[in-house]
Protein backbone atom coordinates (compact mmCIF):
# COMPACT_ATOMS: atom_id res chain seq x y z
CA MET A 1 -178.97 7.35 5.32
CA THR A 2 -175.87 5.18 5.69
CA ALA A 3 -175.03 5.67 2.01
CA VAL A 4 -175.24 9.47 2.43
CA LEU A 5 -172.76 9.64 5.33
CA PRO A 6 -169.68 8.49 3.37
CA SER A 7 -170.55 10.94 0.58
CA LEU A 8 -170.96 13.76 3.09
CA ALA A 9 -167.68 12.86 4.80
CA LEU A 10 -165.90 12.81 1.43
CA ALA A 11 -167.38 16.19 0.48
CA LEU A 12 -166.26 17.71 3.79
CA LEU A 13 -162.79 16.24 3.38
CA CYS A 14 -162.52 17.76 -0.11
CA LEU A 15 -163.71 21.10 1.24
CA LEU A 16 -161.13 21.04 4.02
CA GLN A 17 -158.36 20.10 1.60
CA ALA A 18 -159.34 22.92 -0.77
CA ARG A 19 -159.33 25.36 2.13
CA ALA A 20 -155.91 24.22 3.31
CA GLU A 21 -154.38 25.03 -0.08
CA VAL A 22 -155.01 28.78 0.19
CA PRO A 23 -151.60 30.47 0.10
CA VAL A 24 -150.59 33.01 2.73
CA GLN A 25 -148.38 36.04 2.09
CA PRO A 26 -144.78 34.90 2.65
CA GLY A 27 -143.08 36.85 5.45
CA PHE A 28 -146.35 38.54 6.44
CA ASN A 29 -145.71 41.76 8.39
CA ALA A 30 -148.65 42.75 10.63
CA GLU A 31 -147.26 46.21 11.36
CA LYS A 32 -147.16 47.10 7.66
CA PHE A 33 -150.61 45.57 7.08
CA ALA A 34 -152.35 47.53 9.84
CA GLY A 35 -154.30 50.63 8.89
CA THR A 36 -157.18 51.70 6.72
CA TRP A 37 -158.21 49.71 3.65
CA HIS A 38 -161.04 50.17 1.13
CA VAL A 39 -162.96 47.09 0.01
CA ALA A 40 -162.78 47.63 -3.76
CA ALA A 41 -164.08 44.25 -4.95
CA ALA A 42 -165.45 41.09 -3.41
CA VAL A 43 -166.55 37.68 -4.60
CA SER A 44 -168.40 35.10 -2.52
CA ASN A 45 -170.77 32.17 -2.72
CA CYS A 46 -172.60 33.38 0.41
CA SER A 47 -176.33 33.61 -0.42
CA VAL A 48 -176.74 36.91 1.50
CA PHE A 49 -173.82 38.47 -0.40
CA LEU A 50 -175.17 37.23 -3.74
CA LYS A 51 -178.56 38.83 -3.05
CA MET A 52 -177.00 42.18 -2.07
CA LYS A 53 -173.92 42.41 -4.30
CA ASP A 54 -175.45 44.53 -7.09
CA GLY A 55 -176.41 47.30 -4.66
CA MET A 56 -173.22 47.31 -2.59
CA LYS A 57 -170.73 50.18 -2.48
CA SER A 58 -167.10 50.36 -1.41
CA SER A 59 -166.64 50.10 2.33
CA ILE A 60 -163.81 50.82 4.71
CA ALA A 61 -161.92 48.36 6.90
CA ALA A 62 -159.66 49.51 9.71
CA ILE A 63 -157.23 46.77 10.73
CA SER A 64 -155.17 46.71 13.89
CA PHE A 65 -153.37 44.07 15.90
CA THR A 66 -153.59 43.33 19.61
CA PRO A 67 -150.42 42.91 21.71
CA GLU A 68 -151.03 39.12 21.49
CA GLY A 69 -150.88 39.29 17.67
CA ASN A 70 -154.62 38.91 17.05
CA LEU A 71 -156.21 40.80 14.16
CA ALA A 72 -158.99 43.29 14.97
CA MET A 73 -161.08 44.45 12.01
CA LYS A 74 -163.64 47.23 12.06
CA LEU A 75 -165.77 47.58 8.95
CA VAL A 76 -168.05 50.43 7.95
CA TRP A 77 -170.49 49.54 5.12
CA PRO A 78 -172.69 52.17 3.44
CA LEU A 79 -176.33 51.05 3.46
CA LEU A 80 -179.34 52.85 1.98
CA ASP A 81 -179.97 55.07 4.99
CA ARG A 82 -176.91 54.77 7.24
CA CYS A 83 -173.39 53.48 7.78
CA GLN A 84 -173.39 49.99 9.33
CA GLU A 85 -170.47 49.12 11.60
CA PHE A 86 -169.10 45.62 12.22
CA GLU A 87 -166.28 44.52 14.50
CA LEU A 88 -164.46 41.21 14.11
CA LEU A 89 -161.63 39.72 16.11
CA PHE A 90 -159.47 36.96 14.63
CA GLN A 91 -156.97 35.01 16.69
CA GLN A 92 -153.51 34.26 15.39
CA SER A 93 -153.39 30.71 14.02
CA GLY A 94 -149.70 30.11 14.46
CA GLN A 95 -148.86 31.10 10.87
CA ALA A 96 -148.29 34.80 10.20
CA GLY A 97 -151.06 36.11 7.94
CA HIS A 98 -153.54 33.36 8.91
CA TYR A 99 -156.22 34.07 11.52
CA VAL A 100 -159.27 32.29 12.92
CA ALA A 101 -162.45 33.40 14.68
CA ALA A 102 -163.56 30.23 16.47
CA GLN A 103 -166.98 31.46 17.61
CA GLU A 104 -168.03 32.50 14.10
CA LYS A 105 -166.13 29.56 12.56
CA ARG A 106 -164.23 31.93 10.26
CA ASP A 107 -160.82 31.42 8.74
CA LEU A 108 -159.03 34.47 7.28
CA CYS A 109 -155.83 34.44 5.21
CA VAL A 110 -153.95 37.38 3.76
CA MET A 111 -153.11 35.73 0.45
CA GLU A 112 -151.13 38.56 -1.05
CA THR A 113 -150.24 42.16 -0.28
CA ASP A 114 -147.70 44.85 -1.11
CA TYR A 115 -148.82 46.66 2.11
CA SER A 116 -148.97 50.12 0.51
CA HIS A 117 -151.44 49.65 -2.38
CA TYR A 118 -153.40 46.39 -2.23
CA ALA A 119 -154.18 43.19 -0.37
CA ILE A 120 -156.11 40.09 -1.35
CA VAL A 121 -157.83 38.41 1.58
CA HIS A 122 -159.50 34.99 1.60
CA GLU A 123 -162.20 34.13 4.12
CA PHE A 124 -163.88 30.79 4.74
CA GLN A 125 -166.89 30.55 7.07
CA GLU A 126 -168.56 27.37 8.29
CA ASN A 127 -171.33 29.12 10.22
CA GLY A 128 -174.83 28.28 9.00
CA PRO A 129 -176.20 25.52 6.79
CA GLU A 130 -173.82 26.14 3.88
CA PRO A 131 -170.10 26.93 4.21
CA SER A 132 -169.11 30.08 2.35
CA THR A 133 -165.94 31.31 0.73
CA ALA A 134 -165.08 34.93 0.01
CA LEU A 135 -162.22 36.79 -1.59
CA GLN A 136 -161.78 40.53 -1.10
CA LEU A 137 -159.60 43.04 -2.89
CA LEU A 138 -158.50 45.70 -0.43
CA THR A 139 -156.84 48.93 -1.54
CA ARG A 140 -155.33 51.81 0.41
CA GLU A 141 -157.08 54.30 -1.93
CA GLN A 142 -160.61 53.97 -3.32
CA ASP A 143 -159.33 53.78 -6.90
CA VAL A 144 -158.27 50.39 -8.25
CA SER A 145 -156.18 49.91 -11.39
CA PRO A 146 -157.44 47.69 -14.23
CA GLN A 147 -154.30 45.55 -13.86
CA LEU A 148 -154.94 44.92 -10.17
CA LEU A 149 -158.59 44.13 -10.86
CA GLN A 150 -157.51 41.66 -13.57
CA LYS A 151 -155.09 40.00 -11.13
CA PHE A 152 -157.95 39.66 -8.62
CA LYS A 153 -160.29 38.19 -11.25
CA GLU A 154 -157.67 35.57 -12.15
CA LEU A 155 -157.62 34.34 -8.53
CA ILE A 156 -161.39 33.78 -8.37
CA PRO A 157 -161.47 30.25 -9.86
CA THR A 158 -158.46 29.18 -7.75
CA VAL A 159 -160.61 29.39 -4.60
CA GLY A 160 -163.62 27.59 -6.11
CA LEU A 161 -165.67 30.69 -6.97
CA THR A 162 -166.97 31.99 -10.30
CA LYS A 163 -166.83 35.46 -11.87
CA ASP A 164 -170.63 35.80 -11.81
CA MET A 165 -170.30 36.00 -7.99
CA LEU A 166 -168.06 39.10 -8.31
CA ALA A 167 -169.01 42.57 -7.14
CA ILE A 168 -166.77 45.45 -8.16
CA LEU A 169 -167.77 47.97 -5.55
CA PRO A 170 -168.25 51.52 -6.80
CA LYS A 171 -166.71 54.40 -4.89
CA SER A 172 -168.98 55.94 -2.37
CA GLY A 173 -169.11 59.40 -0.85
CA GLU A 174 -170.79 57.79 2.14
CA CYS A 175 -169.05 56.31 5.18
CA GLN A 176 -165.73 57.88 4.29
CA GLU A 177 -162.42 57.49 6.07
CA ASP A 178 -163.09 60.25 8.62
CA GLN A 179 -166.40 58.55 9.52
CA CYS A 180 -164.57 55.24 9.80
CA THR A 181 -161.98 56.78 12.08
CA LYS A 182 -164.74 58.11 14.33
CA ALA A 183 -166.55 54.76 14.25
CA ILE A 184 -163.50 52.76 15.29
CA ARG A 185 -162.46 54.84 18.28
């Protein structure tokens, strides 16, 4: 047992260092980032995601900011028989574009965005037995260009994930923007 503790501590230290190296969009502008986004692609080492990824479809995320600067995210995911809604609140971390949800032990960084077409968001979660990392490609429209998808794929190994964990989410006629708007009111 005593030999395992130093190894565990070293592994956790490496994990924390890897997480700290995630870049954040320089000069992040929350006002420009707010609005409706489509989740066009995602990659994660989360076991639940990996089991479901082949049957997933594009979802919608509505992002807004509280007067205190916290990020509120409302997601609508199409499931087999309904649209599932999720609400998340991330507190400002002190660095623009970096947010934390202490209760869920989540860390969210907007790595890159042009605000009008795409955003790449990194999420790290320590909740549960295994920490998980995720990268999402958000787009303002459901269509994603091959060049943007290639750019996203090139980032996958930089956050410790592999391309076999990738789900390119097909467009869905379910849970569309008007349904998302109704769901987030």
